[in-house]
Amino acid sequence: MKRFSRRDFLASLAAGAAATALARPALAQDSGLGPMEMQEGYDSVARPITAAKSASPTFSPYTTQATENALAQYGQIAAKGGWQTVTGKGRLKLGDSNDDVVSLRQRLIISGDLAPSLSDSDAFDSYLDGAVRRFQSRHGILASGVVGDTTRAAMAIGVDIRQKQLELNIVRLRAMGDLGPRYIMMNIPATELEAVDNGVVEQRHNTVIGKPDRQSPVMSTAVQNINFNPFWTVPLSIIKKDLIPKMQKEPTYLSDHHIRIFNPAGQEIPAEQVNWNTDEATKMRFTQDPGFGNSLGTVRINIANQYGVYMHDTPYKSVFGQGYRFDSSGCARVQNVRDLCAWILKGTEFTRDHIDEVIRTGNRLDAKPPIKTPVYWTYITAWATPEGLVQFRDDVYDKDGYQSLSVVLKEEG
């Protein structure tokens, strides 16, 4: 397999031909929403960009070799002294002109996001705007072109840390093995899912996955079945952490959200019969009826696992446009999930249009995939494409053991 030279590596980054190809979409595709404010500490979207994405899977037989090549290139960067932190503390954007912009240019030239010939300027021009967007895309940051706290924090992580990330993730990539011809791959740190058939990505979906204290598990499994218009049985962890505190503050919470209570004998009981100041509720079963507001939305994709997690829809589509999408209790919410269901059920009566019809009825209906569909939930925070484009994602679950973007943000207060 060809090894890329430093010139090839830097040229591919500077050109940006592939930089936007594997970047996450900047905004939700099914919500019709414009630019949104991100959570505190994250850059807001100045203006979204769109680009055709590569049809090649993110993790293919070529990914490991490309990542090994990237590690060698980062070793060369480290040998030359690495990069310096961008000066100043404020936001930098198109039209600015100061010494901090000069520092920003030097930082992006060293990492290969800006051509060296563009170093002699203190103006934040369109070339620098494009370089910032490329850097943001490579690091899983919404590509606004504005250098805010998150982008500064990502740029402040040293080349030595990036080398360690690449080394660790090469081990993870080597361990993947043969994924099969047709499968679903979700990379947890990237909050993105791919549906792959014979080496081609046929669908990509943004996901919302587990919070750091309610992590989505790394696992290899398969689709069991799909529930349309599902009931939702509230997991014990959510009863303890969310439902009981909610009921202590809002006694009508359950009725407002169409959640019914069943005692251990299977009898439905009113909320007034439960002592919400004790753990009595943990002995009950809580079921949310199908329909508008159901926490699972209109679809639940069941996957075999010991963790009690699955993939599902959500009534709150705007979450897929947020920059920080670690907000579930371990399950994965999937953007445009009906498209994924049609892909899983390809060859059956459940075409995309038929799925819409089933959901419109409001009636519970289950469907099984015609063939086994493997599902992989993995945790890769650093990798490279065969073109030499190096990608990093934040180590939100602290599995790498190195300084992450989350740590930098906490240190900055």
Protein backbone atom coordinates (compact mmCIF):
# COMPACT_ATOMS: atom_id res chain seq x y z
CA MET A 1 0.00 0.00 0.00
CA LYS A 2 1.30 3.43 -0.90
CA ARG A 3 2.74 5.58 1.89
CA PHE A 4 2.08 9.27 1.50
CA SER A 5 4.96 11.72 1.62
CA ARG A 6 4.86 14.81 3.84
CA ARG A 7 4.24 16.90 0.72
CA ASP A 8 1.24 14.75 -0.23
CA PHE A 9 -0.01 14.85 3.35
CA LEU A 10 0.16 18.63 3.69
CA ALA A 11 -1.12 19.27 0.20
CA SER A 12 -4.23 17.18 0.75
CA LEU A 13 -4.98 19.04 3.96
CA ALA A 14 -4.31 22.47 2.50
CA ALA A 15 -6.37 21.77 -0.56
CA GLY A 16 -9.20 20.59 1.65
CA ALA A 17 -10.57 18.33 -1.04
CA ALA A 18 -11.33 15.65 1.48
CA ALA A 19 -11.58 17.84 4.56
CA THR A 20 -15.27 18.41 4.25
CA ALA A 21 -15.89 14.97 2.78
CA LEU A 22 -15.77 13.15 6.11
CA ALA A 23 -16.84 16.02 8.34
CA ARG A 24 -20.17 15.76 10.14
CA PRO A 25 -23.05 17.77 8.69
CA ALA A 26 -23.13 21.27 10.16
CA LEU A 27 -26.88 21.32 10.73
CA ALA A 28 -29.74 18.89 11.13
CA GLN A 29 -31.09 17.82 7.76
CA ASP A 30 -34.63 16.97 8.80
CA SER A 31 -35.47 19.84 11.13
CA GLY A 32 -35.58 22.75 8.69
CA LEU A 33 -33.71 24.80 11.26
CA GLY A 34 -31.20 27.51 10.52
CA PRO A 35 -28.01 28.24 12.51
CA MET A 36 -28.39 27.45 16.19
CA GLU A 37 -26.66 28.50 19.38
CA MET A 38 -24.54 25.70 20.78
CA GLN A 39 -24.27 24.74 24.45
CA GLU A 40 -22.19 27.04 26.61
CA GLY A 41 -18.50 26.75 25.85
CA TYR A 42 -19.01 25.68 22.24
CA ASP A 43 -18.74 27.82 19.11
CA SER A 44 -21.96 28.97 17.50
CA VAL A 45 -22.59 28.51 13.80
CA ALA A 46 -21.77 31.57 11.73
CA ARG A 47 -22.90 30.10 8.45
CA PRO A 48 -23.22 26.40 7.68
CA ILE A 49 -21.33 24.70 4.89
CA THR A 50 -22.43 21.71 2.89
CA ALA A 51 -20.34 19.32 0.86
CA ALA A 52 -20.67 15.94 -0.77
CA LYS A 53 -19.34 13.23 1.51
CA SER A 54 -17.09 10.35 0.57
CA ALA A 55 -18.78 7.08 -0.32
CA SER A 56 -15.93 5.18 1.34
CA PRO A 57 -16.47 3.89 4.89
CA THR A 58 -14.66 5.84 7.58
CA PHE A 59 -13.13 2.59 8.82
CA SER A 60 -11.95 0.41 5.96
CA PRO A 61 -8.93 -1.85 5.34
CA TYR A 62 -7.05 1.31 4.29
CA THR A 63 -7.73 3.30 7.46
CA THR A 64 -5.10 1.60 9.61
CA GLN A 65 -2.31 2.14 7.08
CA ALA A 66 -3.34 5.76 6.54
CA THR A 67 -3.36 6.34 10.30
CA GLU A 68 0.11 4.82 10.62
CA ASN A 69 1.29 7.20 7.88
CA ALA A 70 -0.28 10.12 9.77
CA LEU A 71 1.54 9.11 12.95
CA ALA A 72 4.84 9.29 11.07
CA GLN A 73 3.97 12.74 9.72
CA TYR A 74 3.06 14.00 13.17
CA GLY A 75 6.38 12.66 14.38
CA GLN A 76 8.09 14.93 11.85
CA ILE A 77 6.02 17.88 13.07
CA ALA A 78 7.04 17.09 16.66
CA ALA A 79 10.71 16.84 15.66
CA LYS A 80 10.51 20.40 14.33
CA GLY A 81 9.09 21.73 17.57
CA GLY A 82 5.37 21.20 17.07
CA TRP A 83 2.99 24.15 17.13
CA GLN A 84 2.49 27.09 19.47
CA THR A 85 -0.75 28.11 21.16
CA VAL A 86 -2.67 30.79 19.29
CA THR A 87 -2.15 34.11 21.08
CA GLY A 88 -4.96 36.10 22.67
CA LYS A 89 -8.20 34.89 24.21
CA GLY A 90 -10.99 36.50 22.21
CA ARG A 91 -12.89 35.27 19.18
CA LEU A 92 -11.29 35.59 15.75
CA LYS A 93 -13.34 35.77 12.59
CA LEU A 94 -13.42 36.88 8.97
CA GLY A 95 -12.47 40.55 8.65
CA ASP A 96 -10.30 40.75 11.80
CA SER A 97 -6.75 42.06 11.52
CA ASN A 98 -4.23 41.83 14.39
CA ASP A 99 -1.22 39.95 15.75
CA ASP A 100 -3.44 37.08 16.96
CA VAL A 101 -4.40 36.42 13.35
CA VAL A 102 -0.70 36.06 12.48
CA SER A 103 -0.36 33.51 15.28
CA LEU A 104 -3.43 31.66 13.98
CA ARG A 105 -1.95 31.48 10.49
CA GLN A 106 1.28 29.95 11.79
CA ARG A 107 -0.65 27.36 13.81
CA LEU A 108 -2.68 26.24 10.79
CA ILE A 109 0.33 26.16 8.48
CA ILE A 110 2.19 23.78 10.81
CA SER A 111 -0.77 21.38 10.96
CA GLY A 112 -1.19 21.57 7.18
CA ASP A 113 -4.57 23.31 7.12
CA LEU A 114 -3.16 26.45 5.42
CA ALA A 115 -0.62 26.69 2.63
CA PRO A 116 2.81 28.06 3.75
CA SER A 117 2.68 30.68 0.99
CA LEU A 118 -0.18 32.39 2.84
CA SER A 119 1.80 33.22 5.99
CA ASP A 120 2.56 36.90 5.34
CA SER A 121 -0.62 38.62 6.43
CA ASP A 122 -2.32 39.78 9.62
CA ALA A 123 -5.74 39.79 7.94
CA PHE A 124 -8.41 37.14 8.58
CA ASP A 125 -9.26 36.68 4.89
CA SER A 126 -11.21 34.06 2.95
CA TYR A 127 -8.16 31.77 2.74
CA LEU A 128 -7.81 31.75 6.52
CA ASP A 129 -11.57 31.31 6.90
CA GLY A 130 -11.37 28.18 4.76
CA ALA A 131 -8.39 26.87 6.74
CA VAL A 132 -10.21 27.37 10.04
CA ARG A 133 -13.24 25.51 8.68
CA ARG A 134 -11.01 22.64 7.55
CA PHE A 135 -9.43 22.44 11.00
CA GLN A 136 -12.85 22.50 12.66
CA SER A 137 -14.18 19.77 10.37
CA ARG A 138 -11.17 17.56 11.10
CA HIS A 139 -11.76 17.93 14.83
CA GLY A 140 -15.52 17.38 14.84
CA ILE A 141 -16.28 21.05 15.56
CA LEU A 142 -19.10 22.74 13.67
CA ALA A 143 -17.36 24.42 10.75
CA SER A 144 -18.32 28.07 11.34
CA GLY A 145 -14.98 29.65 10.46
CA VAL A 146 -15.10 31.48 13.81
CA VAL A 147 -12.29 30.75 16.27
CA GLY A 148 -14.03 30.57 19.66
CA ASP A 149 -13.29 28.77 22.91
CA THR A 150 -13.74 25.27 21.49
CA THR A 151 -11.53 25.82 18.46
CA ARG A 152 -8.85 27.50 20.56
CA ALA A 153 -8.96 24.58 23.00
CA ALA A 154 -8.54 22.06 20.17
CA MET A 155 -5.62 24.04 18.74
CA ALA A 156 -3.99 24.14 22.19
CA ILE A 157 -3.68 20.36 22.45
CA GLY A 158 -0.04 19.58 21.78
CA VAL A 159 1.35 17.45 18.98
CA ASP A 160 2.66 14.96 21.57
CA ILE A 161 -0.90 14.30 22.76
CA ARG A 162 -2.07 13.90 19.19
CA GLN A 163 0.71 11.38 18.56
CA LYS A 164 -0.40 9.34 21.59
CA GLN A 165 -3.99 9.43 20.36
CA LEU A 166 -2.95 8.13 16.96
CA GLU A 167 -0.86 5.35 18.51
CA LEU A 168 -3.70 4.19 20.74
CA ASN A 169 -6.30 4.26 17.99
CA ILE A 170 -4.08 2.32 15.60
CA VAL A 171 -4.37 -0.54 18.11
CA ARG A 172 -8.17 -0.16 18.12
CA LEU A 173 -8.31 -0.07 14.33
CA ARG A 174 -6.19 -3.22 14.00
CA ALA A 175 -8.57 -5.02 16.35
CA MET A 176 -11.63 -4.37 14.17
CA GLY A 177 -11.08 -7.31 11.86
CA ASP A 178 -13.51 -8.22 9.09
CA LEU A 179 -16.74 -6.26 9.49
CA GLY A 180 -18.62 -8.16 6.79
CA PRO A 181 -20.16 -6.95 3.52
CA ARG A 182 -23.23 -5.18 4.97
CA TYR A 183 -23.26 -3.55 8.39
CA ILE A 184 -24.01 -0.51 10.55
CA MET A 185 -21.05 1.28 12.14
CA MET A 186 -21.44 3.95 14.82
CA ASN A 187 -18.35 5.76 16.07
CA ILE A 188 -19.30 7.06 19.53
CA PRO A 189 -16.85 10.02 19.76
CA ALA A 190 -17.91 11.24 16.29
CA THR A 191 -21.65 10.86 17.08
CA GLU A 192 -22.13 9.56 13.54
CA LEU A 193 -23.47 6.32 12.08
CA GLU A 194 -22.79 4.75 8.67
CA ALA A 195 -24.81 2.10 6.84
CA VAL A 196 -22.34 0.23 4.61
CA ASP A 197 -23.00 -2.25 1.81
CA ASN A 198 -20.16 -3.87 -0.14
CA GLY A 199 -17.64 -1.18 0.73
CA VAL A 200 -19.94 1.75 -0.03
CA VAL A 201 -21.53 4.06 2.54
CA GLU A 202 -25.17 4.18 1.48
CA GLN A 203 -26.36 6.31 4.40
CA ARG A 204 -24.85 8.54 7.06
CA HIS A 205 -26.72 9.72 10.15
CA ASN A 206 -25.95 12.07 12.99
CA THR A 207 -26.53 10.45 16.38
CA VAL A 208 -27.04 11.53 19.98
CA ILE A 209 -25.35 9.11 22.35
CA GLY A 210 -24.73 8.58 26.07
CA LYS A 211 -23.66 11.28 28.48
CA PRO A 212 -20.21 10.80 30.08
CA ASP A 213 -21.92 9.48 33.22
CA ARG A 214 -24.28 7.23 31.20
CA GLN A 215 -21.96 5.97 28.50
CA SER A 216 -22.96 4.19 25.32
CA PRO A 217 -21.12 0.83 25.30
CA VAL A 218 -18.55 -0.42 22.80
CA MET A 219 -19.96 -3.64 21.31
CA SER A 220 -20.52 -5.87 18.30
CA THR A 221 -24.08 -7.07 17.84
CA ALA A 222 -26.88 -7.31 15.25
CA VAL A 223 -30.36 -5.95 14.61
CA GLN A 224 -33.10 -8.07 16.19
CA ASN A 225 -36.21 -6.27 15.03
CA ILE A 226 -37.77 -2.83 14.55
CA ASN A 227 -40.75 -1.51 16.49
CA PHE A 228 -42.92 1.09 14.79
CA ASN A 229 -45.02 3.31 17.08
CA PRO A 230 -43.39 1.73 20.14
CA PHE A 231 -44.30 1.93 23.78
CA TRP A 232 -41.43 3.06 25.97
CA THR A 233 -40.69 1.22 29.18
CA VAL A 234 -38.64 3.56 31.36
CA PRO A 235 -35.28 1.97 32.35
CA LEU A 236 -34.46 1.66 36.04
CA SER A 237 -31.51 4.05 35.71
CA ILE A 238 -33.81 6.79 34.37
CA ILE A 239 -36.42 6.08 37.05
CA LYS A 240 -33.76 6.69 39.71
CA LYS A 241 -31.89 9.59 38.15
CA ASP A 242 -34.64 11.45 36.31
CA LEU A 243 -38.21 10.34 36.93
CA ILE A 244 -38.26 10.35 40.76
CA PRO A 245 -36.64 13.84 41.01
CA LYS A 246 -39.07 15.10 38.34
CA MET A 247 -42.10 13.83 40.23
CA GLN A 248 -40.85 15.41 43.45
CA LYS A 249 -40.84 18.80 41.71
CA GLU A 250 -43.66 18.33 39.18
CA PRO A 251 -46.44 16.00 40.44
CA THR A 252 -48.18 16.08 37.04
CA TYR A 253 -45.06 15.11 35.07
CA LEU A 254 -46.20 11.53 34.35
CA SER A 255 -49.69 12.45 33.19
CA ASP A 256 -48.35 15.36 31.14
CA HIS A 257 -46.06 12.93 29.29
CA HIS A 258 -48.57 10.05 28.96
CA ILE A 259 -46.59 7.73 31.23
CA ARG A 260 -48.58 5.08 33.09
CA ILE A 261 -47.59 3.24 36.29
CA PHE A 262 -47.98 -0.51 36.87
CA ASN A 263 -47.34 -2.16 40.21
CA PRO A 264 -45.48 -5.50 40.59
CA ALA A 265 -48.78 -7.34 40.09
CA GLY A 266 -49.23 -5.67 36.70
CA GLN A 267 -52.09 -3.41 37.82
CA GLU A 268 -52.18 0.19 36.67
CA ILE A 269 -52.15 2.62 39.59
CA PRO A 270 -52.34 6.42 39.93
CA ALA A 271 -49.23 8.46 40.72
CA GLU A 272 -50.75 9.49 44.06
CA GLN A 273 -50.31 5.93 45.38
CA VAL A 274 -46.52 6.11 45.06
CA ASN A 275 -44.33 7.65 47.76
CA TRP A 276 -41.94 9.72 45.67
CA ASN A 277 -39.71 10.50 48.65
CA THR A 278 -38.60 6.85 48.88
CA ASP A 279 -37.32 4.24 46.40
CA GLU A 280 -40.81 2.73 46.09
CA ALA A 281 -41.00 3.86 42.45
CA THR A 282 -38.06 1.59 41.52
CA LYS A 283 -40.36 -1.40 42.12
CA MET A 284 -42.89 -0.13 39.58
CA ARG A 285 -43.04 -0.37 35.78
CA PHE A 286 -43.46 2.90 33.90
CA THR A 287 -44.72 2.79 30.32
CA GLN A 288 -45.11 5.72 27.94
CA ASP A 289 -47.84 5.38 25.32
CA PRO A 290 -47.04 5.68 21.60
CA GLY A 291 -47.71 8.96 19.88
CA PHE A 292 -46.55 12.54 19.93
CA GLY A 293 -44.01 13.20 22.67
CA ASN A 294 -42.99 9.55 23.13
CA SER A 295 -39.32 9.58 24.10
CA LEU A 296 -38.54 6.99 21.43
CA GLY A 297 -40.29 8.99 18.73
CA THR A 298 -41.90 6.69 16.18
CA VAL A 299 -39.22 4.00 15.81
CA ARG A 300 -37.13 1.69 18.01
CA ILE A 301 -34.41 -0.51 16.49
CA ASN A 302 -33.65 -3.37 18.88
CA ILE A 303 -30.11 -4.75 18.97
CA ALA A 304 -28.97 -7.76 20.98
CA ASN A 305 -26.87 -6.70 23.98
CA GLN A 306 -26.50 -7.01 27.75
CA TYR A 307 -26.66 -3.26 28.37
CA GLY A 308 -30.33 -2.70 27.56
CA VAL A 309 -29.57 -0.10 24.88
CA TYR A 310 -30.96 0.32 21.37
CA MET A 311 -31.27 2.85 18.54
CA HIS A 312 -34.34 5.01 18.19
CA ASP A 313 -36.10 8.11 16.91
CA THR A 314 -36.78 11.24 18.99
CA PRO A 315 -39.53 13.86 18.93
CA TYR A 316 -36.89 16.56 19.37
CA LYS A 317 -35.19 16.78 15.97
CA SER A 318 -33.23 19.94 16.74
CA VAL A 319 -30.79 17.96 18.91
CA PHE A 320 -29.10 16.62 15.78
CA GLY A 321 -27.97 20.12 14.83
CA GLN A 322 -26.12 20.71 18.07
CA GLY A 323 -22.34 20.59 18.27
CA TYR A 324 -22.36 18.59 21.49
CA ARG A 325 -24.46 15.43 21.09
CA PHE A 326 -23.66 13.40 24.22
CA ASP A 327 -27.03 13.69 25.89
CA SER A 328 -28.72 10.27 26.11
CA SER A 329 -28.79 7.64 28.83
CA GLY A 330 -26.77 5.17 26.74
CA CYS A 331 -29.06 4.53 23.77
CA ALA A 332 -28.46 6.13 20.37
CA ARG A 333 -30.94 8.57 18.87
CA VAL A 334 -30.59 8.46 15.09
CA GLN A 335 -31.32 11.32 12.70
CA ASN A 336 -33.59 10.41 9.77
CA VAL A 337 -34.06 7.01 11.38
CA ARG A 338 -36.87 6.01 9.00
CA ASP A 339 -34.33 5.99 6.15
CA LEU A 340 -32.14 3.65 8.18
CA CYS A 341 -35.12 1.38 8.85
CA ALA A 342 -35.85 1.16 5.12
CA TRP A 343 -32.18 0.24 4.54
CA ILE A 344 -32.28 -2.49 7.19
CA LEU A 345 -35.57 -3.86 5.82
CA LYS A 346 -34.54 -3.68 2.15
CA GLY A 347 -36.19 -6.46 0.17
CA THR A 348 -39.33 -6.51 2.33
CA GLU A 349 -42.65 -4.68 2.08
CA PHE A 350 -41.27 -1.99 4.36
CA THR A 351 -40.21 0.55 1.79
CA ARG A 352 -39.65 4.13 2.90
CA ASP A 353 -43.18 5.11 1.84
CA HIS A 354 -44.73 2.08 3.54
CA ILE A 355 -42.90 2.92 6.76
CA ASP A 356 -44.47 6.38 6.69
CA GLU A 357 -47.90 4.81 6.20
CA VAL A 358 -47.41 2.44 9.14
CA ILE A 359 -46.32 5.27 11.41
CA ARG A 360 -49.31 7.41 10.36
CA THR A 361 -51.69 4.73 11.62
CA GLY A 362 -50.33 5.07 15.14
CA ASN A 363 -50.61 1.30 15.60
CA ARG A 364 -47.77 -0.76 17.07
CA LEU A 365 -46.14 -2.97 14.43
CA ASP A 366 -42.90 -4.99 14.46
CA ALA A 367 -40.66 -5.93 11.53
CA LYS A 368 -37.65 -8.24 11.24
CA PRO A 369 -34.72 -7.69 8.86
CA PRO A 370 -34.61 -10.23 6.00
CA ILE A 371 -30.90 -10.88 6.57
CA LYS A 372 -28.56 -10.53 9.52
CA THR A 373 -27.41 -6.93 9.88
CA PRO A 374 -24.33 -6.58 12.10
CA VAL A 375 -24.11 -3.45 14.26
CA TYR A 376 -20.83 -2.08 15.63
CA TRP A 377 -20.55 0.63 18.27
CA THR A 378 -16.90 1.60 18.41
CA TYR A 379 -14.74 4.23 20.09
CA ILE A 380 -12.20 5.79 17.74
CA THR A 381 -10.91 9.28 18.56
CA ALA A 382 -8.17 9.59 15.92
CA TRP A 383 -7.78 8.24 12.39
CA ALA A 384 -6.75 9.23 8.88
CA THR A 385 -8.15 8.79 5.40
CA PRO A 386 -6.14 7.26 2.58
CA GLU A 387 -5.79 10.81 1.19
CA GLY A 388 -3.86 11.77 4.33
CA LEU A 389 -6.59 13.74 6.06
CA VAL A 390 -6.18 13.34 9.82
CA GLN A 391 -9.31 13.36 11.97
CA PHE A 392 -9.58 13.83 15.73
CA ARG A 393 -12.59 13.66 18.04
CA ASP A 394 -12.84 14.55 21.69
CA ASP A 395 -12.23 11.73 24.18
CA VAL A 396 -15.53 12.44 25.92
CA TYR A 397 -15.52 9.20 27.93
CA ASP A 398 -11.85 9.56 28.92
CA LYS A 399 -10.94 6.18 27.44
CA ASP A 400 -7.69 7.43 25.90
CA GLY A 401 -6.25 8.61 29.19
CA TYR A 402 -4.70 11.68 27.58
CA GLN A 403 -5.56 15.36 27.63
CA SER A 404 -8.82 15.85 25.75
CA LEU A 405 -10.78 18.80 24.49
CA SER A 406 -13.18 18.40 27.41
CA VAL A 407 -10.23 18.63 29.83
CA VAL A 408 -8.94 21.77 28.15
CA LEU A 409 -12.35 23.41 28.35
CA LYS A 410 -12.62 22.55 32.06
CA GLU A 411 -9.14 23.94 32.70
CA GLU A 412 -10.12 27.17 30.94
CA GLY A 413 -13.18 27.44 33.20
